[in-house]
Amino acid sequence: QSLLLVLSTRFSDIELREEEGIPTQEFLESCYAIVPVLDKLGPTVFAPVKMDFVGNIKKINQKFITNKEEFDTLQKIVLHEVNAGVAQVRNSATEALLWLKRGLKFLKGFLTEVKNGEKNIQTAL
């Protein structure tokens, strides 16, 4: 079974809202869709990555569900936290988004190495 079949909600399907940015709900769904991929890649090797990934998704989701209308884009969440002076506070949605972005970038780099023929997981990592 192809890894791509696991991804039901893809980042590439998310439509940016003209002046408002990235829709929170769709972004979170795309992130959650990656979790089973991490299991397929290696439940042991990727366990810490998965834990970090899921934790950051949950932090953003917790902020989102407090007011789905107000926080319908990631940009609105970040701006709200910046204006409230809590963006740099530990466990803020903004901090979680930063680490989630780093995790996604790491995963993309790893998958690119594998796609380009790297057979050794340690080398790809």
N, C-alpha and C. Protein backbone atom coordinates (compact mmCIF):
# COMPACT_ATOMS: atom_id res chain seq x y z
N GLN A 1 0.85 -1.20 0.00
CA GLN A 1 0.00 0.00 0.00
C GLN A 1 0.88 1.25 0.00
N SER A 2 0.58 2.15 -0.86
CA SER A 2 1.35 3.38 -0.98
C SER A 2 1.09 4.30 0.21
N LEU A 3 2.13 4.99 0.64
CA LEU A 3 1.98 5.96 1.73
C LEU A 3 1.01 7.08 1.34
N LEU A 4 0.98 7.39 0.06
CA LEU A 4 0.12 8.49 -0.38
C LEU A 4 -1.36 8.17 -0.21
N LEU A 5 -1.71 6.90 -0.22
CA LEU A 5 -3.11 6.53 -0.04
C LEU A 5 -3.60 6.86 1.36
N VAL A 6 -2.66 6.93 2.31
CA VAL A 6 -3.01 7.23 3.69
C VAL A 6 -3.45 8.69 3.83
N LEU A 7 -2.87 9.54 3.01
CA LEU A 7 -3.15 10.97 3.12
C LEU A 7 -4.47 11.34 2.44
N SER A 8 -5.51 11.45 3.25
CA SER A 8 -6.81 11.79 2.70
C SER A 8 -6.97 13.30 2.55
N THR A 9 -6.41 14.04 3.49
CA THR A 9 -6.46 15.49 3.43
C THR A 9 -5.05 15.98 3.18
N ARG A 10 -4.84 16.60 2.04
CA ARG A 10 -3.49 17.01 1.65
C ARG A 10 -3.31 18.51 1.80
N PHE A 11 -2.09 18.89 2.16
CA PHE A 11 -1.78 20.32 2.28
C PHE A 11 -2.00 21.03 0.95
N SER A 12 -1.70 20.34 -0.14
CA SER A 12 -1.84 20.96 -1.46
C SER A 12 -3.30 21.26 -1.82
N ASP A 13 -4.23 20.64 -1.10
CA ASP A 13 -5.66 20.88 -1.36
C ASP A 13 -6.19 22.10 -0.60
N ILE A 14 -5.42 22.60 0.34
CA ILE A 14 -5.87 23.72 1.16
C ILE A 14 -5.87 24.99 0.32
N GLU A 15 -6.99 25.67 0.33
CA GLU A 15 -7.09 26.93 -0.41
C GLU A 15 -6.84 28.09 0.54
N LEU A 16 -5.83 28.90 0.21
CA LEU A 16 -5.53 30.07 1.02
C LEU A 16 -6.65 31.08 0.87
N ARG A 17 -7.04 31.68 1.98
CA ARG A 17 -8.05 32.72 1.93
C ARG A 17 -7.35 34.04 1.65
N GLU A 18 -7.86 34.75 0.67
CA GLU A 18 -7.19 35.92 0.12
C GLU A 18 -6.47 36.78 1.17
N GLU A 19 -7.08 37.47 2.00
CA GLU A 19 -6.39 38.35 2.94
C GLU A 19 -6.20 37.71 4.31
N GLU A 20 -6.79 36.54 4.52
CA GLU A 20 -6.83 35.98 5.86
C GLU A 20 -5.81 34.88 6.11
N GLY A 21 -5.39 34.16 5.08
CA GLY A 21 -4.36 33.15 5.25
C GLY A 21 -4.81 31.71 5.19
N ILE A 22 -4.18 30.87 6.01
CA ILE A 22 -4.36 29.42 5.98
C ILE A 22 -5.50 29.00 6.90
N PRO A 23 -6.52 28.33 6.36
CA PRO A 23 -7.64 27.88 7.19
C PRO A 23 -7.18 26.88 8.24
N THR A 24 -7.49 27.15 9.49
CA THR A 24 -7.03 26.33 10.61
C THR A 24 -7.54 24.90 10.53
N GLN A 25 -8.84 24.73 10.32
CA GLN A 25 -9.45 23.39 10.30
C GLN A 25 -8.78 22.49 9.27
N GLU A 26 -8.64 22.98 8.05
CA GLU A 26 -8.06 22.17 6.98
C GLU A 26 -6.59 21.86 7.25
N PHE A 27 -5.87 22.84 7.81
CA PHE A 27 -4.47 22.64 8.14
C PHE A 27 -4.32 21.53 9.18
N LEU A 28 -5.14 21.60 10.23
CA LEU A 28 -5.08 20.59 11.29
C LEU A 28 -5.44 19.20 10.76
N GLU A 29 -6.43 19.13 9.87
CA GLU A 29 -6.81 17.84 9.28
C GLU A 29 -5.65 17.26 8.46
N SER A 30 -4.96 18.11 7.73
CA SER A 30 -3.81 17.66 6.94
C SER A 30 -2.69 17.17 7.84
N CYS A 31 -2.49 17.86 8.96
CA CYS A 31 -1.46 17.44 9.92
C CYS A 31 -1.81 16.09 10.54
N TYR A 32 -3.06 15.95 10.96
CA TYR A 32 -3.49 14.67 11.55
C TYR A 32 -3.34 13.53 10.55
N ALA A 33 -3.52 13.81 9.27
CA ALA A 33 -3.42 12.77 8.23
C ALA A 33 -1.99 12.24 8.09
N ILE A 34 -1.01 13.00 8.57
CA ILE A 34 0.39 12.58 8.48
C ILE A 34 0.75 11.56 9.57
N VAL A 35 0.02 11.60 10.68
CA VAL A 35 0.35 10.74 11.83
C VAL A 35 0.46 9.25 11.46
N PRO A 36 -0.51 8.67 10.72
CA PRO A 36 -0.37 7.26 10.34
C PRO A 36 0.84 7.00 9.43
N VAL A 37 1.25 8.00 8.68
CA VAL A 37 2.42 7.87 7.81
C VAL A 37 3.66 7.66 8.68
N LEU A 38 3.74 8.39 9.79
CA LEU A 38 4.87 8.23 10.70
C LEU A 38 4.94 6.81 11.24
N ASP A 39 3.77 6.23 11.54
CA ASP A 39 3.72 4.84 12.00
C ASP A 39 4.24 3.89 10.93
N LYS A 40 3.88 4.14 9.69
CA LYS A 40 4.31 3.28 8.59
C LYS A 40 5.81 3.41 8.33
N LEU A 41 6.34 4.60 8.54
CA LEU A 41 7.77 4.81 8.32
C LEU A 41 8.63 4.06 9.34
N GLY A 42 8.11 3.96 10.53
CA GLY A 42 8.87 3.27 11.57
C GLY A 42 8.36 3.67 12.94
N PRO A 43 7.50 2.83 13.53
CA PRO A 43 6.88 3.18 14.80
C PRO A 43 7.88 3.45 15.92
N THR A 44 9.05 2.80 15.87
CA THR A 44 10.05 3.02 16.92
C THR A 44 10.90 4.25 16.61
N VAL A 45 11.46 4.28 15.42
CA VAL A 45 12.35 5.38 15.02
C VAL A 45 11.63 6.72 15.08
N PHE A 46 10.38 6.73 14.64
CA PHE A 46 9.64 7.98 14.54
C PHE A 46 8.75 8.28 15.75
N ALA A 47 8.83 7.45 16.79
CA ALA A 47 7.99 7.67 17.97
C ALA A 47 8.17 9.07 18.58
N PRO A 48 9.41 9.54 18.78
CA PRO A 48 9.57 10.89 19.35
C PRO A 48 9.03 11.98 18.42
N VAL A 49 9.25 11.79 17.13
CA VAL A 49 8.75 12.77 16.14
C VAL A 49 7.23 12.80 16.19
N LYS A 50 6.63 11.62 16.24
CA LYS A 50 5.17 11.52 16.28
C LYS A 50 4.61 12.18 17.53
N MET A 51 5.23 11.90 18.68
CA MET A 51 4.76 12.48 19.93
C MET A 51 4.81 14.01 19.89
N ASP A 52 5.90 14.54 19.40
CA ASP A 52 6.08 15.98 19.28
C ASP A 52 5.06 16.57 18.31
N PHE A 53 4.91 15.89 17.20
CA PHE A 53 3.99 16.30 16.14
C PHE A 53 2.55 16.39 16.66
N VAL A 54 2.10 15.29 17.27
CA VAL A 54 0.73 15.22 17.79
C VAL A 54 0.52 16.24 18.90
N GLY A 55 1.51 16.40 19.76
CA GLY A 55 1.40 17.39 20.85
C GLY A 55 1.20 18.79 20.32
N ASN A 56 1.95 19.15 19.29
CA ASN A 56 1.83 20.49 18.71
C ASN A 56 0.50 20.68 17.97
N ILE A 57 0.04 19.65 17.30
CA ILE A 57 -1.27 19.71 16.63
C ILE A 57 -2.35 19.97 17.69
N LYS A 58 -2.27 19.24 18.80
CA LYS A 58 -3.27 19.38 19.86
C LYS A 58 -3.27 20.77 20.46
N LYS A 59 -2.10 21.36 20.65
CA LYS A 59 -2.01 22.71 21.21
C LYS A 59 -2.71 23.73 20.30
N ILE A 60 -2.48 23.60 19.01
CA ILE A 60 -3.13 24.52 18.06
C ILE A 60 -4.63 24.26 18.05
N ASN A 61 -5.02 22.99 18.06
CA ASN A 61 -6.44 22.65 18.06
C ASN A 61 -7.14 23.17 19.33
N GLN A 62 -6.47 23.07 20.46
CA GLN A 62 -7.06 23.57 21.72
C GLN A 62 -7.36 25.06 21.62
N LYS A 63 -6.47 25.81 21.01
CA LYS A 63 -6.71 27.25 20.83
C LYS A 63 -7.87 27.45 19.84
N PHE A 64 -7.84 26.70 18.74
CA PHE A 64 -8.85 26.81 17.70
C PHE A 64 -10.26 26.58 18.24
N ILE A 65 -10.43 25.53 19.05
CA ILE A 65 -11.78 25.18 19.52
C ILE A 65 -12.33 26.14 20.57
N THR A 66 -11.47 27.02 21.10
CA THR A 66 -12.00 28.02 22.04
C THR A 66 -12.85 29.05 21.32
N ASN A 67 -12.59 29.26 20.03
CA ASN A 67 -13.39 30.19 19.23
C ASN A 67 -13.13 29.93 17.75
N LYS A 68 -13.86 28.96 17.20
CA LYS A 68 -13.62 28.53 15.81
C LYS A 68 -13.85 29.65 14.79
N GLU A 69 -14.76 30.55 15.08
CA GLU A 69 -15.02 31.64 14.14
C GLU A 69 -13.90 32.66 14.15
N GLU A 70 -13.46 33.05 15.35
CA GLU A 70 -12.40 34.04 15.46
C GLU A 70 -11.06 33.48 14.98
N PHE A 71 -10.81 32.20 15.25
CA PHE A 71 -9.53 31.59 14.93
C PHE A 71 -9.61 30.69 13.71
N ASP A 72 -10.36 31.11 12.70
CA ASP A 72 -10.56 30.27 11.52
C ASP A 72 -9.34 30.20 10.60
N THR A 73 -8.32 31.04 10.86
CA THR A 73 -7.05 30.91 10.12
C THR A 73 -5.90 30.91 11.12
N LEU A 74 -4.80 30.30 10.72
CA LEU A 74 -3.62 30.25 11.58
C LEU A 74 -3.10 31.66 11.87
N GLN A 75 -3.17 32.51 10.87
CA GLN A 75 -2.69 33.88 11.04
C GLN A 75 -3.47 34.61 12.14
N LYS A 76 -4.77 34.38 12.21
CA LYS A 76 -5.59 35.04 13.24
C LYS A 76 -5.21 34.55 14.63
N ILE A 77 -4.88 33.28 14.75
CA ILE A 77 -4.44 32.74 16.05
C ILE A 77 -3.14 33.42 16.47
N VAL A 78 -2.18 33.47 15.55
CA VAL A 78 -0.88 34.06 15.85
C VAL A 78 -1.03 35.54 16.19
N LEU A 79 -1.78 36.29 15.39
CA LEU A 79 -1.97 37.72 15.66
C LEU A 79 -2.65 37.94 17.01
N HIS A 80 -3.62 37.11 17.33
CA HIS A 80 -4.30 37.21 18.62
C HIS A 80 -3.30 37.01 19.77
N GLU A 81 -2.46 35.98 19.65
CA GLU A 81 -1.49 35.70 20.71
C GLU A 81 -0.41 36.78 20.78
N VAL A 82 0.01 37.30 19.64
CA VAL A 82 1.00 38.39 19.64
C VAL A 82 0.41 39.60 20.35
N ASN A 83 -0.81 39.99 19.98
CA ASN A 83 -1.46 41.16 20.60
C ASN A 83 -1.72 40.97 22.09
N ALA A 84 -1.96 39.72 22.49
CA ALA A 84 -2.21 39.43 23.91
C ALA A 84 -0.91 39.25 24.69
N GLY A 85 0.21 39.26 23.97
CA GLY A 85 1.50 39.12 24.61
C GLY A 85 1.84 37.72 25.07
N VAL A 86 1.19 36.73 24.46
CA VAL A 86 1.43 35.34 24.89
C VAL A 86 2.02 34.45 23.78
N ALA A 87 2.37 35.06 22.65
CA ALA A 87 2.87 34.27 21.52
C ALA A 87 4.14 33.50 21.88
N GLN A 88 4.98 34.07 22.74
CA GLN A 88 6.25 33.42 23.07
C GLN A 88 6.18 32.61 24.36
N VAL A 89 5.00 32.52 24.93
CA VAL A 89 4.81 31.74 26.15
C VAL A 89 4.87 30.26 25.81
N ARG A 90 5.49 29.49 26.70
CA ARG A 90 5.58 28.04 26.49
C ARG A 90 4.18 27.45 26.32
N ASN A 91 4.03 26.55 25.37
CA ASN A 91 2.77 25.87 25.06
C ASN A 91 1.74 26.76 24.37
N SER A 92 2.13 27.93 23.89
CA SER A 92 1.20 28.74 23.12
C SER A 92 0.97 28.07 21.76
N ALA A 93 -0.12 28.42 21.12
CA ALA A 93 -0.41 27.88 19.79
C ALA A 93 0.63 28.36 18.79
N THR A 94 1.13 29.58 19.00
CA THR A 94 2.14 30.14 18.10
C THR A 94 3.43 29.33 18.19
N GLU A 95 3.86 29.01 19.42
CA GLU A 95 5.06 28.19 19.60
C GLU A 95 4.84 26.80 19.00
N ALA A 96 3.66 26.24 19.21
CA ALA A 96 3.34 24.92 18.67
C ALA A 96 3.38 24.94 17.14
N LEU A 97 2.89 26.01 16.55
CA LEU A 97 2.90 26.14 15.09
C LEU A 97 4.34 26.22 14.57
N LEU A 98 5.19 26.95 15.28
CA LEU A 98 6.60 27.05 14.90
C LEU A 98 7.25 25.67 14.90
N TRP A 99 7.04 24.88 15.97
CA TRP A 99 7.64 23.56 16.06
C TRP A 99 7.01 22.57 15.09
N LEU A 100 5.73 22.75 14.83
CA LEU A 100 5.06 21.90 13.84
C LEU A 100 5.64 22.15 12.45
N LYS A 101 5.87 23.41 12.13
CA LYS A 101 6.48 23.77 10.85
C LYS A 101 7.87 23.14 10.73
N ARG A 102 8.64 23.20 11.81
CA ARG A 102 9.98 22.59 11.80
C ARG A 102 9.88 21.08 11.60
N GLY A 103 8.90 20.46 12.26
CA GLY A 103 8.70 19.02 12.11
C GLY A 103 8.32 18.63 10.69
N LEU A 104 7.45 19.43 10.09
CA LEU A 104 7.04 19.17 8.71
C LEU A 104 8.22 19.33 7.75
N LYS A 105 9.05 20.34 8.00
CA LYS A 105 10.22 20.57 7.16
C LYS A 105 11.21 19.40 7.29
N PHE A 106 11.39 18.92 8.51
CA PHE A 106 12.26 17.77 8.76
C PHE A 106 11.73 16.54 8.01
N LEU A 107 10.43 16.30 8.14
CA LEU A 107 9.81 15.14 7.49
C LEU A 107 9.94 15.24 5.97
N LYS A 108 9.73 16.42 5.44
CA LYS A 108 9.87 16.62 3.99
C LYS A 108 11.31 16.31 3.55
N GLY A 109 12.28 16.79 4.31
CA GLY A 109 13.68 16.51 3.98
C GLY A 109 13.99 15.04 4.02
N PHE A 110 13.48 14.35 5.05
CA PHE A 110 13.70 12.91 5.18
C PHE A 110 13.09 12.17 3.99
N LEU A 111 11.83 12.48 3.68
CA LEU A 111 11.14 11.79 2.58
C LEU A 111 11.80 12.09 1.24
N THR A 112 12.35 13.29 1.09
CA THR A 112 13.07 13.63 -0.14
C THR A 112 14.30 12.75 -0.29
N GLU A 113 15.03 12.55 0.82
CA GLU A 113 16.21 11.67 0.80
C GLU A 113 15.82 10.25 0.38
N VAL A 114 14.74 9.74 0.97
CA VAL A 114 14.27 8.38 0.66
C VAL A 114 13.86 8.30 -0.82
N LYS A 115 13.13 9.31 -1.26
CA LYS A 115 12.66 9.34 -2.65
C LYS A 115 13.85 9.36 -3.62
N ASN A 116 14.91 10.04 -3.21
CA ASN A 116 16.09 10.14 -4.07
C ASN A 116 16.98 8.90 -3.99
N GLY A 117 16.51 7.86 -3.28
CA GLY A 117 17.21 6.58 -3.31
C GLY A 117 18.00 6.22 -2.07
N GLU A 118 18.00 7.06 -1.04
CA GLU A 118 18.75 6.72 0.18
C GLU A 118 18.09 5.55 0.89
N LYS A 119 18.86 4.46 1.08
CA LYS A 119 18.31 3.25 1.70
C LYS A 119 18.55 3.22 3.21
N ASN A 120 19.58 3.90 3.67
CA ASN A 120 19.94 3.90 5.08
C ASN A 120 19.12 4.97 5.82
N ILE A 121 18.28 4.53 6.76
CA ILE A 121 17.40 5.46 7.49
C ILE A 121 18.21 6.49 8.26
N GLN A 122 19.29 6.05 8.91
CA GLN A 122 20.12 6.98 9.70
C GLN A 122 20.69 8.08 8.82
N THR A 123 21.17 7.70 7.64
CA THR A 123 21.73 8.67 6.70
C THR A 123 20.65 9.64 6.24
N ALA A 124 19.47 9.10 5.93
CA ALA A 124 18.35 9.94 5.48
C ALA A 124 17.93 10.92 6.58
N LEU A 125 17.94 10.44 7.82
CA LEU A 125 17.58 11.30 8.95
C LEU A 125 18.61 12.40 9.13
